């Protein structure tokens, strides 16, 4: 990549997430997030500048459960509710994430 006109730089990405938690029961905590993503176009001679930028908004319901006094498990499903992508791009109809946390 040290030759003239042989360069590539991925576009910048900015994300913002806001959420609500309903903590009426400490064992089961339902949550709702809104996730916003903006990505600018890739740059350089080797970049596909026509198909790399866009904006997406996701709605992400989730649940956190306390399984032990110091262990929690959580899961979220993420659904796109708005997209404005430039060119031809693939993006999922939904995604899911699960995890666990340990407090000591």
C-alpha atoms as a PDB file:
ATOM      1  CA  UNK A   1       0.000   0.000   0.000  1.00  0.00           C
ATOM      2  CA  UNK A   2       2.982   2.318  -0.402  1.00  0.00           C
ATOM      3  CA  UNK A   3       2.434   2.956  -4.119  1.00  0.00           C
ATOM      4  CA  UNK A   4       0.703   6.100  -5.439  1.00  0.00           C
ATOM      5  CA  UNK A   5      -3.072   5.734  -5.831  1.00  0.00           C
ATOM      6  CA  UNK A   6      -2.971   2.509  -3.816  1.00  0.00           C
ATOM      7  CA  UNK A   7      -4.609   3.615  -0.588  1.00  0.00           C
ATOM      8  CA  UNK A   8      -7.666   2.914   1.520  1.00  0.00           C
ATOM      9  CA  UNK A   9      -9.169   4.500   4.634  1.00  0.00           C
ATOM     10  CA  UNK A  10     -12.405   3.257   6.235  1.00  0.00           C
ATOM     11  CA  UNK A  11     -15.062   5.862   6.896  1.00  0.00           C
ATOM     12  CA  UNK A  12     -15.669   7.268  10.354  1.00  0.00           C
ATOM     13  CA  UNK A  13     -18.533   5.808  12.382  1.00  0.00           C
ATOM     14  CA  UNK A  14     -20.507   7.533  15.114  1.00  0.00           C
ATOM     15  CA  UNK A  15     -22.999   5.769  17.343  1.00  0.00           C
ATOM     16  CA  UNK A  16     -25.404   6.898  20.036  1.00  0.00           C
ATOM     17  CA  UNK A  17     -27.366   4.620  22.355  1.00  0.00           C
ATOM     18  CA  UNK A  18     -30.025   5.545  24.909  1.00  0.00           C
ATOM     19  CA  UNK A  19     -32.080   3.205  27.014  1.00  0.00           C
ATOM     20  CA  UNK A  20     -34.620   2.633  29.753  1.00  0.00           C
ATOM     21  CA  UNK A  21     -34.711   0.013  32.513  1.00  0.00           C
ATOM     22  CA  UNK A  22     -37.736  -1.014  34.566  1.00  0.00           C
ATOM     23  CA  UNK A  23     -36.396  -2.146  37.945  1.00  0.00           C
ATOM     24  CA  UNK A  24     -39.595  -3.113  39.785  1.00  0.00           C
ATOM     25  CA  UNK A  25     -38.219  -6.632  40.380  1.00  0.00           C
ATOM     26  CA  UNK A  26     -34.436  -6.904  40.959  1.00  0.00           C
ATOM     27  CA  UNK A  27     -34.360 -10.488  39.624  1.00  0.00           C
ATOM     28  CA  UNK A  28     -35.834  -9.613  36.186  1.00  0.00           C
ATOM     29  CA  UNK A  29     -35.086  -6.214  34.638  1.00  0.00           C
ATOM     30  CA  UNK A  30     -36.624  -5.536  31.202  1.00  0.00           C
ATOM     31  CA  UNK A  31     -34.823  -2.945  29.113  1.00  0.00           C
ATOM     32  CA  UNK A  32     -35.326  -1.028  25.891  1.00  0.00           C
ATOM     33  CA  UNK A  33     -32.608   0.705  23.893  1.00  0.00           C
ATOM     34  CA  UNK A  34     -32.551   2.907  20.818  1.00  0.00           C
ATOM     35  CA  UNK A  35     -29.258   2.622  18.914  1.00  0.00           C
ATOM     36  CA  UNK A  36     -28.289   5.105  16.185  1.00  0.00           C
ATOM     37  CA  UNK A  37     -25.379   4.617  13.782  1.00  0.00           C
ATOM     38  CA  UNK A  38     -23.935   6.988  11.180  1.00  0.00           C
ATOM     39  CA  UNK A  39     -21.057   5.894   8.931  1.00  0.00           C
ATOM     40  CA  UNK A  40     -19.306   8.123   6.427  1.00  0.00           C
ATOM     41  CA  UNK A  41     -17.961   6.908   3.088  1.00  0.00           C
ATOM     42  CA  UNK A  42     -14.705   5.006   2.810  1.00  0.00           C
ATOM     43  CA  UNK A  43     -11.908   6.946   1.131  1.00  0.00           C
ATOM     44  CA  UNK A  44      -9.004   6.238  -1.151  1.00  0.00           C
ATOM     45  CA  UNK A  45      -8.328   4.761  -4.561  1.00  0.00           C
ATOM     46  CA  UNK A  46      -9.166   1.221  -3.381  1.00  0.00           C
ATOM     47  CA  UNK A  47     -12.384   2.183  -1.558  1.00  0.00           C
ATOM     48  CA  UNK A  48     -15.903   1.423  -2.710  1.00  0.00           C
ATOM     49  CA  UNK A  49     -17.054   4.970  -1.998  1.00  0.00           C
ATOM     50  CA  UNK A  50     -20.523   4.400  -3.487  1.00  0.00           C
ATOM     51  CA  UNK A  51     -21.571   1.582  -1.145  1.00  0.00           C
ATOM     52  CA  UNK A  52     -20.066   2.245   2.261  1.00  0.00           C
ATOM     53  CA  UNK A  53     -21.992   5.048   3.995  1.00  0.00           C
ATOM     54  CA  UNK A  54     -25.352   5.353   5.662  1.00  0.00           C
ATOM     55  CA  UNK A  55     -27.535   5.774   8.705  1.00  0.00           C
ATOM     56  CA  UNK A  56     -29.360   3.086  10.682  1.00  0.00           C
ATOM     57  CA  UNK A  57     -31.626   3.223  13.753  1.00  0.00           C
ATOM     58  CA  UNK A  58     -32.302   0.108  15.815  1.00  0.00           C
ATOM     59  CA  UNK A  59     -34.840  -0.726  18.520  1.00  0.00           C
ATOM     60  CA  UNK A  60     -33.356  -3.183  21.018  1.00  0.00           C
ATOM     61  CA  UNK A  61     -35.501  -4.861  23.667  1.00  0.00           C
ATOM     62  CA  UNK A  62     -33.635  -6.847  26.286  1.00  0.00           C
ATOM     63  CA  UNK A  63     -33.724  -8.525  29.655  1.00  0.00           C
ATOM     64  CA  UNK A  64     -31.260  -8.839  32.536  1.00  0.00           C
ATOM     65  CA  UNK A  65     -31.748 -11.664  35.046  1.00  0.00           C
ATOM     66  CA  UNK A  66     -29.983 -12.198  38.357  1.00  0.00           C
ATOM     67  CA  UNK A  67     -29.063 -15.894  38.579  1.00  0.00           C
ATOM     68  CA  UNK A  68     -26.889 -15.666  41.716  1.00  0.00           C
ATOM     69  CA  UNK A  69     -26.328 -12.867  44.208  1.00  0.00           C
ATOM     70  CA  UNK A  70     -23.316 -11.628  42.218  1.00  0.00           C
ATOM     71  CA  UNK A  71     -24.003 -13.043  38.716  1.00  0.00           C
ATOM     72  CA  UNK A  72     -26.328 -11.591  36.102  1.00  0.00           C
ATOM     73  CA  UNK A  73     -27.083 -12.749  32.567  1.00  0.00           C
ATOM     74  CA  UNK A  74     -28.489 -10.500  29.863  1.00  0.00           C
ATOM     75  CA  UNK A  75     -29.767 -10.683  26.320  1.00  0.00           C
ATOM     76  CA  UNK A  76     -30.775  -8.176  23.666  1.00  0.00           C
ATOM     77  CA  UNK A  77     -32.377  -8.464  20.239  1.00  0.00           C
ATOM     78  CA  UNK A  78     -31.697  -5.608  17.841  1.00  0.00           C
ATOM     79  CA  UNK A  79     -34.203  -4.772  15.090  1.00  0.00           C
ATOM     80  CA  UNK A  80     -33.638  -2.067  12.450  1.00  0.00           C
ATOM     81  CA  UNK A  81     -36.499   0.442  12.374  1.00  0.00           C
ATOM     82  CA  UNK A  82     -34.898   2.902   9.910  1.00  0.00           C
ATOM     83  CA  UNK A  83     -32.119   2.623   7.343  1.00  0.00           C
ATOM     84  CA  UNK A  84     -30.724   4.939   4.713  1.00  0.00           C
ATOM     85  CA  UNK A  85     -27.774   3.122   3.170  1.00  0.00           C
ATOM     86  CA  UNK A  86     -25.940   4.309   0.075  1.00  0.00           C
ATOM     87  CA  UNK A  87     -25.363   1.953  -2.822  1.00  0.00           C
ATOM     88  CA  UNK A  88     -25.628  -1.815  -2.421  1.00  0.00           C
ATOM     89  CA  UNK A  89     -25.058  -2.954   1.158  1.00  0.00           C
ATOM     90  CA  UNK A  90     -26.038  -5.983   3.174  1.00  0.00           C
ATOM     91  CA  UNK A  91     -27.273  -5.615   6.717  1.00  0.00           C
ATOM     92  CA  UNK A  92     -29.064  -8.060   9.005  1.00  0.00           C
ATOM     93  CA  UNK A  93     -32.814  -8.170   9.610  1.00  0.00           C
ATOM     94  CA  UNK A  94     -32.022  -8.632  13.302  1.00  0.00           C
ATOM     95  CA  UNK A  95     -29.114  -9.412  15.612  1.00  0.00           C
ATOM     96  CA  UNK A  96     -28.907 -10.839  19.118  1.00  0.00           C
ATOM     97  CA  UNK A  97     -26.367 -10.571  21.895  1.00  0.00           C
ATOM     98  CA  UNK A  98     -26.113 -12.421  25.191  1.00  0.00           C
ATOM     99  CA  UNK A  99     -23.677 -12.153  28.037  1.00  0.00           C
ATOM    100  CA  UNK A 100     -22.997 -12.428  31.721  1.00  0.00           C
ATOM    101  CA  UNK A 101     -21.530 -10.180  34.366  1.00  0.00           C
ATOM    102  CA  UNK A 102     -19.938 -11.001  37.703  1.00  0.00           C
ATOM    103  CA  UNK A 103     -19.707  -8.470  40.534  1.00  0.00           C
ATOM    104  CA  UNK A 104     -16.975  -8.894  43.144  1.00  0.00           C
END
